[in-house]
Amino acid sequence: MLDMSSWRAVFAISLFVCATSATAQSDQPSSGQVVELRVPAPSLEENLLGTSGIQDVAIYLPPDYEQHPNRRFPVLYLLHGIFDDYGVWIENYNVPSILDRMIQEEAIPEVIAVMPNAGNRYGGGYYRNSPVSGNWADYITNDLVSYVDANYSTLPNPESRAVIGHSMGGYGALHLAMHHPGVFSVVWAISPCCLAPTEDLGFGNDAWKRASQIEDFNDADALLESRDFYPIAILGIIAAFNPDPDNEPIYGDFPFEIVKGEVVLDDQAFDSYSDAFPIRQVRASRENLRELKGLGMGVGLGDQFLHIPAGTLALSQQLGDERIPHSLDVYAGDHRQRVGERLEETVIPWVVRRLDFGE
């Protein structure tokens, strides 16, 4: 039996243990951190749109990153849409908060997330290689991945690397999977643009006429100031999909002519232009796509950009015809309103489950 002095000693020890435990728990970070930095982008040098060869990037580091210097983490690469920058993932879609919450709730293990910028004078380079807008695909798959693996505690292999994109970035994620294999093993495209030249990317859109009337960068800037974005987006598509370095100021070839103020289709030029879209590239890319550990797409049927639901559903049909396994998430929503929700409820869990954590 313990006497009163012994009970006091035990009580004091218990208080010390509890206090020490509480202090230790409080020392554990409950949230990750976002690091903003600039990285070399040699693949973009000498582009004709004046895009810098040094690019801004934001990197989310999970809560235990600093406490476990010998631990290595899988990496999610998040590709933004046209006229956006990496801030859209942080400020609009709340990716750091979503990852913190999912990690704290043990819904997913800890991961690193890399959010590059990919904008230019025409809104974006579509994560493609182009002599006009720069070699954006090489920047992501070579320059950026190499930099991140060299400077952060990553698992530096494709099995531990995923790419997720929205809109232009959704297109980019699919394009990289099709044409730059062996970098990412899991791919998800949210509301991917530019899968097929149809609907509002077709020639019924008057923006083609306004785009064809641009004579210099000042004209393009004036359209942006007036918030007429479609013609600039078209210039970006032409510069990335159908570039022509000798054709100033457009630096691309239009797949039509303007005759008496009307768009007149040139069948041969339109076929060449259309061949650059994913809808016509599935069969040639099927072995690359079949090697993925996961391929997914999602689209809101109320998307304001009408080519996006049409193109996503058509591409899913093509993937099915070529026996390429994939997941299709169709939901009620527009282009932006449910992106954060879909990331947390569907995309990130699905993607992370398919990554190798090196354990």
Protein backbone atom coordinates (compact mmCIF):
# COMPACT_ATOMS: atom_id res chain seq x y z
CA MET A 1 0.00 0.00 0.00
CA LEU A 2 1.26 3.49 -0.89
CA ASP A 3 1.41 6.16 1.81
CA MET A 4 0.36 9.79 1.21
CA SER A 5 3.88 10.90 0.25
CA SER A 6 4.12 8.07 -2.26
CA TRP A 7 0.76 9.04 -3.79
CA ARG A 8 1.99 12.61 -4.11
CA ALA A 9 5.09 11.35 -5.94
CA VAL A 10 3.02 9.19 -8.27
CA PHE A 11 0.64 12.09 -8.93
CA ALA A 12 3.55 14.40 -9.67
CA ILE A 13 5.08 11.87 -12.06
CA SER A 14 1.69 11.47 -13.77
CA LEU A 15 1.36 15.21 -14.20
CA PHE A 16 4.87 15.34 -15.66
CA VAL A 17 4.12 12.50 -18.07
CA CYS A 18 0.84 14.12 -19.17
CA ALA A 19 2.48 17.51 -19.60
CA THR A 20 5.35 15.97 -21.56
CA SER A 21 2.91 14.06 -23.76
CA ALA A 22 0.84 17.21 -24.39
CA THR A 23 3.98 19.15 -25.22
CA ALA A 24 5.16 16.43 -27.60
CA GLN A 25 1.75 16.39 -29.29
CA SER A 26 1.73 20.16 -29.62
CA ASP A 27 5.18 19.99 -31.19
CA GLN A 28 3.75 17.84 -33.99
CA PRO A 29 2.61 20.08 -36.86
CA SER A 30 -1.07 19.72 -37.72
CA SER A 31 -0.71 21.22 -41.16
CA GLY A 32 1.71 21.25 -44.02
CA GLN A 33 3.46 24.25 -45.49
CA VAL A 34 3.45 25.82 -48.95
CA VAL A 35 6.81 26.91 -50.32
CA GLU A 36 6.86 29.36 -53.23
CA LEU A 37 9.99 29.45 -55.37
CA ARG A 38 11.38 30.04 -58.86
CA VAL A 39 12.93 27.20 -60.84
CA PRO A 40 14.99 27.07 -64.06
CA ALA A 41 12.97 26.28 -67.18
CA PRO A 42 15.54 25.79 -69.96
CA SER A 43 12.94 24.06 -72.14
CA LEU A 44 11.06 27.37 -72.46
CA GLU A 45 14.01 29.46 -73.58
CA GLU A 46 13.88 31.09 -77.03
CA ASN A 47 10.08 30.85 -77.28
CA LEU A 48 8.50 33.54 -79.46
CA LEU A 49 5.96 34.81 -76.91
CA GLY A 50 8.49 36.17 -74.45
CA THR A 51 7.79 33.65 -71.68
CA SER A 52 10.53 33.59 -69.05
CA GLY A 53 13.04 30.75 -68.71
CA ILE A 54 12.58 31.00 -64.94
CA GLN A 55 9.19 29.85 -63.69
CA ASP A 56 7.22 30.28 -60.45
CA VAL A 57 6.20 27.12 -58.58
CA ALA A 58 4.38 26.42 -55.31
CA ILE A 59 5.11 23.19 -53.42
CA TYR A 60 2.99 21.75 -50.60
CA LEU A 61 5.08 19.86 -48.03
CA PRO A 62 3.10 17.57 -45.70
CA PRO A 63 3.01 17.96 -41.88
CA ASP A 64 5.75 15.40 -41.11
CA TYR A 65 8.11 16.54 -43.86
CA GLU A 66 10.57 18.44 -41.63
CA GLN A 67 10.37 15.95 -38.76
CA HIS A 68 11.43 12.96 -40.86
CA PRO A 69 14.33 14.04 -43.10
CA ASN A 70 15.03 10.47 -44.23
CA ARG A 71 11.47 9.77 -45.28
CA ARG A 72 10.50 10.06 -48.95
CA PHE A 73 7.07 10.98 -50.28
CA PRO A 74 5.04 10.43 -53.47
CA VAL A 75 4.31 13.56 -55.51
CA LEU A 76 1.15 14.98 -57.05
CA TYR A 77 1.67 17.47 -59.90
CA LEU A 78 -1.27 19.86 -60.31
CA LEU A 79 -1.67 21.61 -63.68
CA HIS A 80 -3.88 24.72 -63.81
CA GLY A 81 -6.13 26.01 -66.56
CA ILE A 82 -5.85 28.81 -69.10
CA PHE A 83 -5.54 32.37 -67.71
CA ASP A 84 -4.95 30.88 -64.23
CA ASP A 85 -1.76 30.38 -62.21
CA TYR A 86 -0.85 28.12 -59.30
CA GLY A 87 -2.78 30.41 -56.96
CA VAL A 88 -6.04 28.86 -58.18
CA TRP A 89 -5.14 25.59 -56.42
CA ILE A 90 -4.39 27.40 -53.17
CA GLU A 91 -6.94 30.22 -53.05
CA ASN A 92 -9.89 28.86 -55.06
CA TYR A 93 -9.74 25.09 -54.66
CA ASN A 94 -8.07 25.03 -51.20
CA VAL A 95 -5.73 22.15 -52.03
CA PRO A 96 -3.38 22.64 -49.04
CA SER A 97 -6.32 22.64 -46.63
CA ILE A 98 -7.84 19.60 -48.35
CA LEU A 99 -4.57 17.68 -48.10
CA ASP A 100 -4.10 18.70 -44.45
CA ARG A 101 -7.61 17.53 -43.59
CA MET A 102 -7.33 14.23 -45.47
CA ILE A 103 -3.94 13.49 -43.90
CA GLN A 104 -5.16 14.34 -40.38
CA GLU A 105 -8.22 12.13 -40.87
CA GLU A 106 -5.95 9.36 -42.25
CA ALA A 107 -7.98 9.31 -45.45
CA ILE A 108 -4.66 9.41 -47.35
CA PRO A 109 -0.98 9.05 -46.40
CA GLU A 110 1.26 12.10 -46.63
CA VAL A 111 2.18 13.37 -50.10
CA ILE A 112 3.99 16.31 -51.68
CA ALA A 113 2.04 18.46 -54.16
CA VAL A 114 3.77 20.53 -56.86
CA MET A 115 1.82 23.39 -58.47
CA PRO A 116 3.65 25.00 -61.40
CA ASN A 117 2.70 28.10 -63.35
CA ALA A 118 2.06 27.58 -67.05
CA GLY A 119 0.68 30.84 -68.36
CA ASN A 120 1.89 33.00 -71.23
CA ARG A 121 0.80 35.96 -73.37
CA TYR A 122 -1.97 33.83 -74.90
CA GLY A 123 -3.22 32.42 -71.60
CA GLY A 124 -1.16 29.24 -71.59
CA GLY A 125 0.97 26.84 -73.57
CA TYR A 126 -1.32 23.80 -73.12
CA TYR A 127 1.59 21.75 -71.72
CA ARG A 128 2.67 20.94 -75.29
CA ASN A 129 6.00 21.38 -77.04
CA SER A 130 5.89 24.21 -79.57
CA PRO A 131 8.55 26.30 -81.36
CA VAL A 132 6.26 29.28 -80.73
CA SER A 133 5.02 28.99 -77.14
CA GLY A 134 7.92 26.91 -75.85
CA ASN A 135 8.46 23.28 -74.91
CA TRP A 136 6.02 23.13 -72.01
CA ALA A 137 5.81 19.34 -72.01
CA ASP A 138 9.58 19.09 -71.65
CA TYR A 139 9.53 21.74 -68.93
CA ILE A 140 7.08 19.72 -66.81
CA THR A 141 8.43 16.22 -67.48
CA ASN A 142 12.16 17.05 -67.56
CA ASP A 143 13.04 20.40 -65.99
CA LEU A 144 10.49 20.53 -63.19
CA VAL A 145 10.40 16.85 -62.21
CA SER A 146 14.20 16.71 -62.13
CA TYR A 147 14.39 19.86 -60.01
CA VAL A 148 11.82 18.62 -57.51
CA ASP A 149 13.44 15.19 -57.20
CA ALA A 150 16.88 16.77 -56.71
CA ASN A 151 15.78 19.28 -54.06
CA TYR A 152 12.99 17.58 -52.11
CA SER A 153 12.49 14.23 -50.37
CA THR A 154 10.51 12.55 -53.12
CA LEU A 155 10.18 8.96 -54.21
CA PRO A 156 11.81 9.61 -57.59
CA ASN A 157 10.08 7.04 -59.76
CA PRO A 158 7.01 7.06 -62.02
CA GLU A 159 5.11 4.66 -59.75
CA SER A 160 5.14 7.35 -57.04
CA ARG A 161 4.27 10.27 -59.31
CA ALA A 162 0.80 11.45 -60.44
CA VAL A 163 -0.47 14.34 -62.53
CA ILE A 164 -3.86 16.02 -62.03
CA GLY A 165 -5.07 18.87 -64.20
CA HIS A 166 -8.07 21.14 -64.59
CA SER A 167 -9.32 22.53 -67.92
CA MET A 168 -6.15 23.33 -69.95
CA GLY A 169 -4.31 21.39 -67.25
CA GLY A 170 -6.70 18.46 -67.68
CA TYR A 171 -5.84 18.43 -71.36
CA GLY A 172 -2.15 18.71 -70.36
CA ALA A 173 -2.35 15.72 -68.01
CA LEU A 174 -3.81 13.56 -70.79
CA HIS A 175 -1.34 14.87 -73.38
CA LEU A 176 1.64 14.07 -71.14
CA ALA A 177 0.29 10.58 -70.50
CA MET A 178 -0.16 9.97 -74.21
CA HIS A 179 3.12 11.38 -75.50
CA HIS A 180 5.56 11.46 -72.58
CA PRO A 181 5.33 8.03 -70.94
CA GLY A 182 7.46 6.86 -68.06
CA VAL A 183 7.10 10.04 -65.98
CA PHE A 184 3.67 9.71 -64.33
CA SER A 185 1.88 6.47 -63.52
CA VAL A 186 -1.49 7.94 -62.45
CA VAL A 187 -3.41 10.62 -64.35
CA TRP A 188 -6.67 12.45 -63.69
CA ALA A 189 -8.17 15.17 -65.90
CA ILE A 190 -10.84 17.45 -64.39
CA SER A 191 -13.04 19.14 -67.01
CA PRO A 192 -10.32 18.74 -69.66
CA CYS A 193 -10.48 21.25 -72.48
CA CYS A 194 -9.46 20.83 -76.08
CA LEU A 195 -9.98 17.09 -76.53
CA ALA A 196 -11.84 17.62 -79.81
CA PRO A 197 -12.40 20.65 -82.10
CA THR A 198 -16.14 20.74 -81.62
CA GLU A 199 -18.94 22.93 -80.20
CA ASP A 200 -17.45 26.26 -79.04
CA LEU A 201 -14.07 25.20 -80.43
CA GLY A 202 -15.72 24.75 -83.80
CA PHE A 203 -16.17 27.40 -86.44
CA GLY A 204 -19.58 28.52 -85.32
CA ASN A 205 -17.83 30.61 -82.69
CA ASP A 206 -17.34 34.19 -83.91
CA ALA A 207 -14.16 34.39 -81.85
CA TRP A 208 -12.33 32.81 -84.79
CA LYS A 209 -13.04 35.93 -86.85
CA ARG A 210 -11.83 38.24 -84.09
CA ALA A 211 -8.71 36.15 -83.61
CA SER A 212 -7.90 36.33 -87.32
CA GLN A 213 -8.04 40.15 -87.19
CA ILE A 214 -5.28 40.46 -84.57
CA GLU A 215 -2.26 42.14 -86.13
CA ASP A 216 0.11 42.46 -83.18
CA PHE A 217 0.48 41.87 -79.45
CA ASN A 218 -1.16 45.24 -78.74
CA ASP A 219 -4.36 43.98 -80.38
CA ALA A 220 -4.23 40.86 -78.24
CA ASP A 221 -3.69 42.91 -75.09
CA ALA A 222 -6.64 45.14 -75.98
CA LEU A 223 -8.91 42.10 -76.25
CA LEU A 224 -7.76 40.90 -72.85
CA GLU A 225 -8.44 44.33 -71.33
CA SER A 226 -11.96 44.19 -72.74
CA ARG A 227 -12.33 40.68 -71.25
CA ASP A 228 -12.80 39.09 -74.67
CA PHE A 229 -10.87 35.93 -73.80
CA TYR A 230 -12.00 33.52 -76.53
CA PRO A 231 -9.91 34.99 -79.37
CA ILE A 232 -6.80 34.93 -77.16
CA ALA A 233 -7.49 31.33 -76.17
CA ILE A 234 -7.77 30.50 -79.85
CA LEU A 235 -4.39 32.12 -80.51
CA GLY A 236 -2.95 30.00 -77.70
CA ILE A 237 -4.40 26.84 -79.22
CA ILE A 238 -3.09 27.71 -82.67
CA ALA A 239 0.39 28.53 -81.33
CA ALA A 240 0.49 25.24 -79.38
CA PHE A 241 -1.39 22.85 -81.69
CA ASN A 242 -0.61 24.24 -85.15
CA PRO A 243 2.45 26.51 -84.75
CA ASP A 244 4.15 28.41 -87.54
CA PRO A 245 7.15 30.48 -86.34
CA ASP A 246 7.24 32.41 -89.64
CA ASN A 247 3.62 33.55 -89.54
CA GLU A 248 3.68 36.74 -87.47
CA PRO A 249 1.93 37.88 -85.36
CA ILE A 250 -0.25 34.78 -84.96
CA TYR A 251 2.70 32.38 -85.13
CA GLY A 252 0.31 29.65 -86.23
CA ASP A 253 -1.81 28.46 -89.13
CA PHE A 254 -5.57 28.88 -89.06
CA PRO A 255 -7.47 25.88 -90.46
CA PHE A 256 -9.78 28.12 -92.48
CA GLU A 257 -9.97 31.34 -94.46
CA ILE A 258 -12.08 34.46 -93.96
CA VAL A 259 -13.95 35.10 -97.20
CA LYS A 260 -16.25 38.15 -97.31
CA GLY A 261 -16.37 38.15 -93.53
CA GLU A 262 -17.33 34.50 -93.24
CA VAL A 263 -15.33 31.48 -92.07
CA VAL A 264 -14.64 29.13 -94.96
CA LEU A 265 -13.29 25.73 -93.99
CA ASP A 266 -10.18 24.35 -95.66
CA ASP A 267 -10.63 20.57 -95.40
CA GLN A 268 -6.94 19.72 -95.67
CA ALA A 269 -5.89 22.39 -93.18
CA PHE A 270 -8.68 21.43 -90.80
CA ASP A 271 -7.69 17.75 -90.93
CA SER A 272 -4.10 18.65 -90.10
CA TYR A 273 -5.28 20.85 -87.22
CA SER A 274 -7.69 18.20 -85.90
CA ASP A 275 -5.02 15.51 -85.91
CA ALA A 276 -3.30 17.34 -83.03
CA PHE A 277 -6.27 16.75 -80.69
CA PRO A 278 -6.44 13.73 -78.34
CA ILE A 279 -9.63 12.42 -79.90
CA ARG A 280 -7.56 11.43 -82.95
CA GLN A 281 -4.55 10.18 -81.01
CA VAL A 282 -5.95 7.46 -78.78
CA ARG A 283 -5.06 4.50 -80.99
CA ALA A 284 -1.48 5.68 -81.57
CA SER A 285 -1.07 6.24 -77.81
CA ARG A 286 -2.90 3.18 -76.51
CA GLU A 287 0.19 1.28 -75.33
CA ASN A 288 1.36 4.30 -73.33
CA LEU A 289 -2.10 4.66 -71.80
CA ARG A 290 -2.41 0.96 -71.00
CA GLU A 291 0.83 1.12 -69.01
CA LEU A 292 -0.66 3.60 -66.53
CA LYS A 293 -1.65 2.41 -63.07
CA GLY A 294 -4.65 4.69 -63.23
CA LEU A 295 -6.35 6.94 -65.79
CA GLY A 296 -9.38 9.02 -64.83
CA MET A 297 -11.47 11.91 -66.13
CA GLY A 298 -14.29 13.93 -64.64
CA VAL A 299 -16.69 16.48 -66.11
CA GLY A 300 -19.66 18.55 -65.01
CA LEU A 301 -22.49 18.30 -67.50
CA GLY A 302 -23.29 21.99 -66.94
CA ASP A 303 -19.85 23.16 -68.08
CA GLN A 304 -20.09 26.57 -69.74
CA PHE A 305 -17.53 25.52 -72.37
CA LEU A 306 -19.64 23.21 -74.46
CA HIS A 307 -16.78 21.35 -76.10
CA ILE A 308 -15.63 20.01 -72.70
CA PRO A 309 -18.50 17.62 -71.86
CA ALA A 310 -18.78 16.59 -75.50
CA GLY A 311 -15.04 15.99 -75.84
CA THR A 312 -14.71 14.17 -72.51
CA LEU A 313 -17.53 11.76 -73.27
CA ALA A 314 -16.24 11.18 -76.80
CA LEU A 315 -12.70 10.51 -75.53
CA SER A 316 -14.04 8.05 -72.96
CA GLN A 317 -15.83 6.21 -75.77
CA GLN A 318 -12.59 6.10 -77.77
CA LEU A 319 -10.68 4.77 -74.76
CA GLY A 320 -13.31 2.06 -74.33
CA ASP A 321 -13.13 1.13 -78.01
CA GLU A 322 -9.35 0.68 -77.64
CA ARG A 323 -9.78 -1.35 -74.42
CA ILE A 324 -7.90 1.20 -72.33
CA PRO A 325 -8.98 0.98 -68.66
CA HIS A 326 -10.15 4.29 -67.25
CA SER A 327 -12.58 5.87 -64.82
CA LEU A 328 -15.18 8.47 -65.85
CA ASP A 329 -16.75 10.74 -63.21
CA VAL A 330 -19.80 12.60 -64.56
CA TYR A 331 -21.59 14.97 -62.21
CA ALA A 332 -23.98 17.92 -62.06
CA GLY A 333 -21.84 21.03 -62.05
CA ASP A 334 -20.18 23.68 -64.16
CA HIS A 335 -16.57 24.36 -65.08
CA ARG A 336 -15.35 25.52 -61.65
CA GLN A 337 -17.96 25.35 -58.94
CA ARG A 338 -17.32 21.79 -57.69
CA VAL A 339 -13.62 21.35 -58.40
CA GLY A 340 -12.52 21.49 -54.75
CA GLU A 341 -15.29 19.10 -53.73
CA ARG A 342 -14.44 16.60 -56.48
CA LEU A 343 -10.75 16.79 -55.56
CA GLU A 344 -11.47 15.85 -51.95
CA GLU A 345 -14.25 13.33 -52.46
CA THR A 346 -13.18 11.59 -55.65
CA VAL A 347 -9.96 12.59 -57.37
CA ILE A 348 -7.28 12.69 -54.67
CA PRO A 349 -8.39 9.46 -52.91
CA TRP A 350 -8.59 7.63 -56.24
CA VAL A 351 -5.18 8.90 -57.37
CA VAL A 352 -3.34 8.36 -54.08
CA ARG A 353 -4.60 4.77 -53.71
CA ARG A 354 -2.75 3.91 -56.90
CA LEU A 355 0.61 5.41 -55.96
CA ASP A 356 3.59 3.50 -54.61
CA PHE A 357 4.61 4.76 -51.15
CA GLY A 358 7.82 2.73 -51.07
CA GLU A 359 6.71 0.66 -48.08
